[in-house]
Amino acid sequence: MKTALITGGQQGIGLGIARALSGVGFSVAIAAEAAPESDTVRHAIGLLGEHARYYRHDVRDLDAIPALLDRVEDDLGPLTTFVSNAGVGAPIRGDMLDLSPENFDFVMDVNLKGAFFLAQEAAKRMLGHDQGYRSIIFITSVSAEMVSIERAEYCISKAAAAMAVKLFATRLAADNIGVFDIRPGIIETGMTAGVRDKYTARIEAGLVPAARWGTPDDIAASVLPLAEGRFAFATGSVIAADGGLSIARL
């Protein structure tokens, strides 16, 4: 059985991905900071069923990465897919000229540093066993390319993560490990709940060509063929899962 580790898999986009992979036979490990007894985690595990496990993990804790992977592989078997999904937005939206080093570092530690070193360890584990095709998938953002000056640290973190995809893809291509960059647009999750009215109005005014919010299932539908190896030769590719938001228009 194939095994997937998804950071931030207890809710939102991560849970959508976990459900999709579980639905095609993957054993699923979800890792996040939430307490195992929390309602969010209990709900997620209830949806995912008997082949799912939850692991409490802070992606900023680099020293804890080997132990996390040990536990996942002991419980579920060799890792075949890693989905780097956990992320944080800008703690304070505002003028980038007022951005504090503390907020910059916090976002970088989660969205870039933690993501990179967990992917690094996942890659080493994959290279250590022959399980056929394997995959590493980064959930970045349209903000890897599109500018939001009130969220400078977030944009920079996602742009850097997009470069990490290219680096990992180049390093791992000959080992039958596909690496991909999925860039969600405006997705209906808890992270976007606070700006729902603002973006609903902008979507209705034409911001998104698809004329609707995206959903976690939209992102999961993009992940599934990548994890299953149906786009193996397209390693390093960027998937804009954004309803056309990032298409340049006049």
Foldseek 3Di string as FASTA:
>chain_A
DAEEEEEVLLFFLNVLLLLLCLVVPYQYEYEEQDDCPDPSNVVSDVSSPDSYDYYYDDLLPLVCLVVVLVVRCVRHNQHFEYELEDFAFQPFFDALVPDDPVSLVVRLSRLPVSSLSSVVVSLVSPLVDPPAAGEYEYEAALLLPDDDRRGVSNSVSRVNVLVSQQVCQVVCLVVNYAGEYEHEYAEDTPNCPVCVVVVLVVLCVPLAVQSDHHGSNLSSVVVVCRRVCVCSVVGSYYHYSYNRNNPDDD
